[in-house]
Structure formats: C-alpha cells, structure tokens
Amino acid sequence: MKWACFVTGTDTGVGKTVVTAALAVALRQRGLRVGVMKPAETDCPLEQGREGAHDAQLLQRAARCLAPLELVVPYALPLPLAPALSAEEAGVTIEPGEIVRCYRRLLATHDVVLVEGAGGLLVPLTAQQTMLDLAVTLRLPLLVVARNVLGVINHTCLTVAVASQRARVLGVVLNHPAPPDESDPAVRSNAAALRRWCPVPLYGPAPYLTDLDEEALAVLGQQLLSAELLEGMALDVAEGFDAPAAASTDEEGIPTEPLNEAGA
C-alpha cells in the first residue's frame, strides 16, 4: 500500500509546513518510510539556492527523508511571491513534468509522500497552472490547513467548495500559527462552526507550537493522525510501482511495525 496527500491552505502563513512536518514525524514513528516534497518554495536567497529552502529542509528533517534535496524541492525561487511570479522574475521556467518526475521517484522509494503546496489552492504555479492543477495532475487527495481567526469559515468553505469540484478533500486542519487570543469569540467558536458548515472532517484545533523540535511535532502529529485520515491518503498503486509488504496495524488500523530504519 502507498499513501500520499497534498497539503494546501486557505492562505499563506497558515502553518502548512508545521502540519506537514508533524504528520511526517507521526507517520515515521508508526514505521513508515516518509518522503516529503515542496514542489516550489519561494523566498530562497539567490546565493543559497535550495540550501535556502527552509520549509523543505524542515520537512526533510522531520521525515528523516534521505532523498536528494533536488527531489524534495525541485524549484527554489528567490522572491517572496507566488511561484509563477517569482520564477518569471528569476528567469526560471517551472516545468510541471519535472515536478511529476520528482514525485514519482519519491513515491517509488517511500511508503508515504506528503506534498506541501505554496500559499493557497489557486496560487499560480505557472502562467497556466495553479496549485490545485498540480494536485490534480499528481492525483492526490487534499488536506486543507486553515488559520483559526475571524473569517476562517468563509475562507475554508470557499477552499473546500472549489477543491471538491476536482479532487477529494480529506479534511481541514484548524491551526494556530500564532499564539491564539482566547478572549476572541471567533477563536472559541470556529471549530464548532466549521463542523456545522464545512462538509469535510475537521482535525484540531491544533495548538500553537513554540518549538518545532521532534517531540513537539510528534505530539501534534499524533493528535492529527487518525485511521480515517490515513485511509483517505491510501492510493491505488501507481503503474510501475510495487507496493511494500503490509505492516501490522493497531486497533485504529494505523501501521505500527517499522518497515526500515527510517521508521525507528
């Protein structure tokens, strides 16, 4: 069996990288070989290139993914803009086929691949394609990360409505990328409101993490991970790939036995 998903957001800065890293740690601790991917990361200093892709490297550390950085982040772009604009300014052509090639190589050598998009669902990847187009091309289900603030109901329901027209939506992670204001009535009521009006499962609210060490990420990942979420990430084995031997599972159906050293 292979598992994968595409992590998108209702906006930029909602905590997609932290949520993806947390899931990577939790899945790895369950004994799965976890591959990670940030197809296009912006705000990477020109002189550093991929070495300046801090989100991709955080994901790589969390997953203990030994894949070359050029597979994890095919495009590291300098300006803090949408990938299509940052690429145009840098004179770079983003080739979706290259992203597909990198993804397939990761999928061939890992049990799970977590792909984190840039910004929100309709952020332009190229002049013709958005992040949603990329997720559809990769045939991946979507996990939406939303910021727990006033306005999240509209932002989240819009994202889910658009995404659901072309892809399967696994659910929404209600996240705190900054310390929450517990006196804010929206912060207190958003979870119940999204369960009421958003037609997909809600995970969280996820706590604000002051540290992004493995222990903190593991706690968050285990909070978010469920048999339902993992089942939704299950893929039909892609043509040309062989599924690994099935792992033993716990009472929730989540794998428990290490498949290799990366799962220890």
Protein backbone atom coordinates (compact mmCIF):
# COMPACT_ATOMS: atom_id res chain seq x y z
CA MET A 1 0.00 0.00 0.00
CA LYS A 2 1.10 3.55 -0.73
CA TRP A 3 -0.17 6.69 0.96
CA ALA A 4 0.08 10.33 -0.12
CA CYS A 5 -1.64 13.68 0.12
CA PHE A 6 -1.29 17.28 -0.97
CA VAL A 7 -1.33 19.81 1.87
CA THR A 8 -2.81 23.15 0.86
CA GLY A 9 -4.04 26.16 2.79
CA THR A 10 -6.71 28.80 2.90
CA ASP A 11 -3.92 31.39 2.63
CA THR A 12 -0.19 31.80 3.06
CA GLY A 13 1.21 31.69 6.58
CA VAL A 14 -1.46 29.34 7.93
CA GLY A 15 1.03 26.71 9.12
CA LYS A 16 1.08 24.19 6.28
CA THR A 17 4.75 23.37 6.83
CA VAL A 18 4.30 22.71 10.55
CA VAL A 19 1.25 20.50 9.96
CA THR A 20 3.04 18.58 7.19
CA ALA A 21 6.15 18.13 9.35
CA ALA A 22 4.04 16.94 12.28
CA LEU A 23 2.31 14.34 10.13
CA ALA A 24 5.69 13.26 8.75
CA VAL A 25 7.03 12.62 12.25
CA ALA A 26 3.90 10.76 13.34
CA LEU A 27 3.85 8.57 10.24
CA ARG A 28 7.57 7.86 10.52
CA GLN A 29 7.18 6.87 14.16
CA ARG A 30 4.49 4.42 13.04
CA GLY A 31 7.09 2.64 10.94
CA LEU A 32 6.50 4.12 7.50
CA ARG A 33 9.16 5.42 5.13
CA VAL A 34 8.07 9.02 4.63
CA GLY A 35 9.01 11.12 1.62
CA VAL A 36 8.31 14.84 1.59
CA MET A 37 8.10 17.40 -1.16
CA LYS A 38 7.73 21.16 -1.53
CA PRO A 39 7.50 21.45 -5.33
CA ALA A 40 8.18 25.18 -5.40
CA GLU A 41 9.44 27.24 -2.48
CA THR A 42 9.90 30.99 -2.73
CA ASP A 43 11.87 33.48 -0.62
CA CYS A 44 15.03 31.39 -1.05
CA PRO A 45 18.10 33.70 -1.24
CA LEU A 46 19.61 33.54 -4.70
CA GLU A 47 23.11 32.84 -3.40
CA GLN A 48 21.86 29.87 -1.35
CA GLY A 49 19.52 28.24 -3.85
CA ARG A 50 17.97 25.07 -2.47
CA GLU A 51 20.05 25.41 0.70
CA GLY A 52 17.88 28.43 1.47
CA ALA A 53 14.65 26.44 1.16
CA HIS A 54 13.97 26.33 4.89
CA ASP A 55 10.46 24.85 4.69
CA ALA A 56 11.64 21.96 2.52
CA GLN A 57 14.56 21.27 4.83
CA LEU A 58 12.31 21.27 7.90
CA LEU A 59 10.12 18.69 6.19
CA GLN A 60 13.17 16.65 5.23
CA ARG A 61 14.46 16.63 8.83
CA ALA A 62 11.04 15.76 10.26
CA ALA A 63 10.64 12.83 7.89
CA ARG A 64 14.31 11.82 8.09
CA CYS A 65 14.00 11.70 4.34
CA LEU A 66 17.34 10.93 2.70
CA ALA A 67 16.20 11.80 -0.82
CA PRO A 68 18.31 14.43 -2.60
CA LEU A 69 17.18 17.99 -1.96
CA GLU A 70 16.54 18.46 -5.68
CA LEU A 71 13.73 15.89 -5.41
CA VAL A 72 12.31 17.42 -2.24
CA VAL A 73 12.28 20.96 -3.64
CA PRO A 74 12.59 20.95 -7.45
CA TYR A 75 12.24 24.74 -7.62
CA ALA A 76 13.79 27.12 -5.05
CA LEU A 77 12.96 30.67 -6.12
CA PRO A 78 14.32 33.93 -4.71
CA LEU A 79 11.49 36.46 -4.39
CA PRO A 80 8.68 36.07 -1.79
CA LEU A 81 5.94 35.94 -4.43
CA ALA A 82 3.65 33.31 -5.90
CA PRO A 83 5.83 30.67 -7.59
CA ALA A 84 4.82 31.71 -11.11
CA LEU A 85 5.78 35.34 -10.44
CA SER A 86 8.96 34.52 -8.55
CA ALA A 87 10.02 32.21 -11.38
CA GLU A 88 9.30 34.85 -14.03
CA GLU A 89 11.35 37.44 -12.15
CA ALA A 90 14.23 34.96 -11.84
CA GLY A 91 14.06 33.86 -15.47
CA VAL A 92 13.16 30.31 -14.45
CA THR A 93 10.65 28.11 -16.24
CA ILE A 94 8.72 25.83 -13.91
CA GLU A 95 8.05 22.54 -15.68
CA PRO A 96 5.15 20.59 -14.12
CA GLY A 97 6.55 17.45 -15.78
CA GLU A 98 9.72 17.81 -13.73
CA ILE A 99 7.66 18.02 -10.54
CA VAL A 100 5.78 14.87 -11.56
CA ARG A 101 9.09 13.11 -12.20
CA CYS A 102 10.41 14.05 -8.74
CA TYR A 103 7.17 12.97 -7.08
CA ARG A 104 7.22 9.61 -8.82
CA ARG A 105 10.79 8.99 -7.72
CA LEU A 106 9.86 9.75 -4.12
CA LEU A 107 6.78 7.54 -4.31
CA ALA A 108 8.85 4.67 -5.68
CA THR A 109 11.18 4.69 -2.67
CA HIS A 110 8.85 5.63 0.18
CA ASP A 111 5.61 4.33 1.69
CA VAL A 112 4.12 7.80 2.20
CA VAL A 113 4.71 11.03 0.29
CA LEU A 114 3.49 14.33 1.73
CA VAL A 115 3.44 17.19 -0.79
CA GLU A 116 3.12 20.73 0.55
CA GLY A 117 1.85 23.39 -1.79
CA ALA A 118 2.73 27.09 -1.74
CA GLY A 119 0.16 29.51 -0.37
CA GLY A 120 -3.45 28.69 -1.12
CA LEU A 121 -5.27 26.49 -3.56
CA LEU A 122 -5.38 28.85 -6.54
CA VAL A 123 -1.90 30.31 -6.20
CA PRO A 124 -0.34 30.24 -9.70
CA LEU A 125 2.42 27.69 -10.14
CA THR A 126 2.99 28.63 -13.79
CA ALA A 127 1.30 31.03 -16.19
CA GLN A 128 -1.26 28.29 -16.91
CA GLN A 129 -1.45 26.13 -13.77
CA THR A 130 -2.38 26.59 -10.12
CA MET A 131 -1.58 24.55 -7.05
CA LEU A 132 -4.93 22.81 -7.49
CA ASP A 133 -3.95 21.88 -11.04
CA LEU A 134 -0.75 20.33 -9.68
CA ALA A 135 -2.62 18.30 -7.06
CA VAL A 136 -5.00 17.05 -9.76
CA THR A 137 -2.07 16.19 -12.04
CA LEU A 138 -0.48 14.18 -9.23
CA ARG A 139 -3.90 12.62 -8.49
CA LEU A 140 -3.55 13.42 -4.79
CA PRO A 141 -6.25 13.96 -2.18
CA LEU A 142 -6.13 17.33 -0.44
CA LEU A 143 -5.70 18.26 3.21
CA VAL A 144 -6.58 21.91 3.88
CA VAL A 145 -4.88 23.92 6.65
CA ALA A 146 -6.82 26.93 7.95
CA ARG A 147 -5.87 29.67 10.42
CA ASN A 148 -8.13 29.93 13.47
CA VAL A 149 -9.13 33.60 13.15
CA LEU A 150 -12.20 35.61 12.28
CA GLY A 151 -13.07 34.89 8.64
CA VAL A 152 -11.92 31.28 8.61
CA ILE A 153 -15.44 29.94 7.97
CA ASN A 154 -15.71 31.75 4.64
CA HIS A 155 -12.09 31.09 3.61
CA THR A 156 -12.32 27.41 4.45
CA CYS A 157 -15.71 26.74 2.91
CA LEU A 158 -14.64 28.51 -0.29
CA THR A 159 -11.44 26.48 -0.48
CA VAL A 160 -13.22 23.20 0.13
CA ALA A 161 -16.00 24.04 -2.36
CA VAL A 162 -13.53 24.80 -5.14
CA ALA A 163 -11.24 21.88 -4.33
CA SER A 164 -14.11 19.39 -4.18
CA GLN A 165 -15.03 20.11 -7.79
CA ARG A 166 -11.83 18.47 -8.99
CA ALA A 167 -10.24 16.50 -6.13
CA ARG A 168 -11.04 14.56 -2.99
CA VAL A 169 -10.74 16.63 0.20
CA LEU A 170 -9.58 14.65 3.24
CA GLY A 171 -10.47 17.33 5.73
CA VAL A 172 -9.45 20.59 7.33
CA VAL A 173 -6.82 21.19 10.00
CA LEU A 174 -7.77 24.21 12.10
CA ASN A 175 -4.39 25.59 13.09
CA HIS A 176 -2.81 28.22 15.34
CA PRO A 177 0.31 29.52 13.55
CA ALA A 178 0.50 32.25 16.21
CA PRO A 179 -0.49 32.34 19.88
CA PRO A 180 -4.31 32.41 19.98
CA ASP A 181 -6.30 35.14 21.68
CA GLU A 182 -8.54 33.02 23.88
CA SER A 183 -10.76 36.04 24.55
CA ASP A 184 -11.67 36.23 20.85
CA PRO A 185 -15.15 34.73 20.38
CA ALA A 186 -14.21 33.66 16.83
CA VAL A 187 -11.26 31.64 18.10
CA ARG A 188 -13.51 29.92 20.61
CA SER A 189 -16.33 29.15 18.17
CA ASN A 190 -14.62 28.46 14.83
CA ALA A 191 -14.16 24.73 15.37
CA ALA A 192 -17.84 24.15 16.12
CA ALA A 193 -18.84 26.41 13.23
CA LEU A 194 -16.67 24.54 10.74
CA ARG A 195 -18.05 21.20 11.93
CA ARG A 196 -21.50 22.65 11.32
CA TRP A 197 -21.00 24.25 7.90
CA CYS A 198 -17.95 22.71 6.26
CA PRO A 199 -18.79 19.31 4.72
CA VAL A 200 -15.48 17.54 5.44
CA PRO A 201 -13.87 16.22 8.64
CA LEU A 202 -12.20 18.75 10.94
CA TYR A 203 -8.89 17.96 12.63
CA GLY A 204 -7.78 20.05 15.58
CA PRO A 205 -7.78 22.79 16.68
CA ALA A 206 -4.03 22.29 16.53
CA PRO A 207 -2.11 24.10 19.28
CA TYR A 208 0.43 26.83 18.65
CA LEU A 209 3.92 25.33 18.86
CA THR A 210 6.58 27.49 20.47
CA ASP A 211 9.28 24.99 19.44
CA LEU A 212 9.46 22.87 16.32
CA ASP A 213 11.55 20.08 17.83
CA GLU A 214 10.72 16.45 17.08
CA GLU A 215 8.93 15.88 20.38
CA ALA A 216 6.53 18.79 19.85
CA LEU A 217 5.91 17.83 16.22
CA ALA A 218 5.29 14.21 17.23
CA VAL A 219 2.63 15.22 19.78
CA LEU A 220 0.85 17.36 17.20
CA GLY A 221 1.16 14.69 14.53
CA GLN A 222 -0.34 12.01 16.74
CA GLN A 223 -3.18 14.38 17.60
CA LEU A 224 -3.96 14.87 13.91
CA LEU A 225 -3.30 11.38 12.63
CA SER A 226 -6.25 9.01 12.59
CA ALA A 227 -7.24 5.81 10.85
CA GLU A 228 -9.78 7.85 8.85
CA LEU A 229 -7.13 10.30 7.64
CA LEU A 230 -4.66 7.56 6.77
CA GLU A 231 -7.33 5.58 4.94
CA GLY A 232 -8.16 8.67 2.91
CA MET A 233 -4.49 9.02 1.91
CA ALA A 234 -4.34 5.47 0.53
CA LEU A 235 -3.53 5.35 -3.17
CA ASP A 236 -4.13 2.80 -5.85
CA VAL A 237 -0.65 1.50 -6.61
CA ALA A 238 0.64 3.64 -9.45
CA GLU A 239 1.59 1.89 -12.65
CA GLY A 240 5.18 0.74 -12.46
CA PHE A 241 5.38 0.77 -8.65
CA ASP A 242 5.20 -2.28 -6.42
CA ALA A 243 3.53 -1.95 -3.05
CA PRO A 244 5.67 -2.82 0.01
CA ALA A 245 4.67 -5.65 2.29
CA ALA A 246 1.77 -4.75 4.53
CA ALA A 247 2.67 -3.58 8.03
CA SER A 248 0.96 -4.73 11.21
CA THR A 249 -1.65 -2.29 12.47
CA ASP A 250 -3.01 -1.18 15.83
CA GLU A 251 -6.66 -1.17 16.83
CA GLU A 252 -7.21 2.02 14.81
CA GLY A 253 -5.75 0.45 11.68
CA ILE A 254 -2.58 2.59 11.74
CA PRO A 255 0.70 0.79 10.94
CA THR A 256 2.89 0.05 13.98
CA GLU A 257 5.81 -2.14 12.85
CA PRO A 258 8.89 -0.44 11.40
CA LEU A 259 9.44 -1.15 7.72
CA ASN A 260 13.02 0.15 7.76
CA GLU A 261 15.44 2.13 9.89
CA ALA A 262 13.75 5.40 8.99
CA GLY A 263 10.71 4.29 10.93
CA ALA A 264 12.62 3.73 14.16
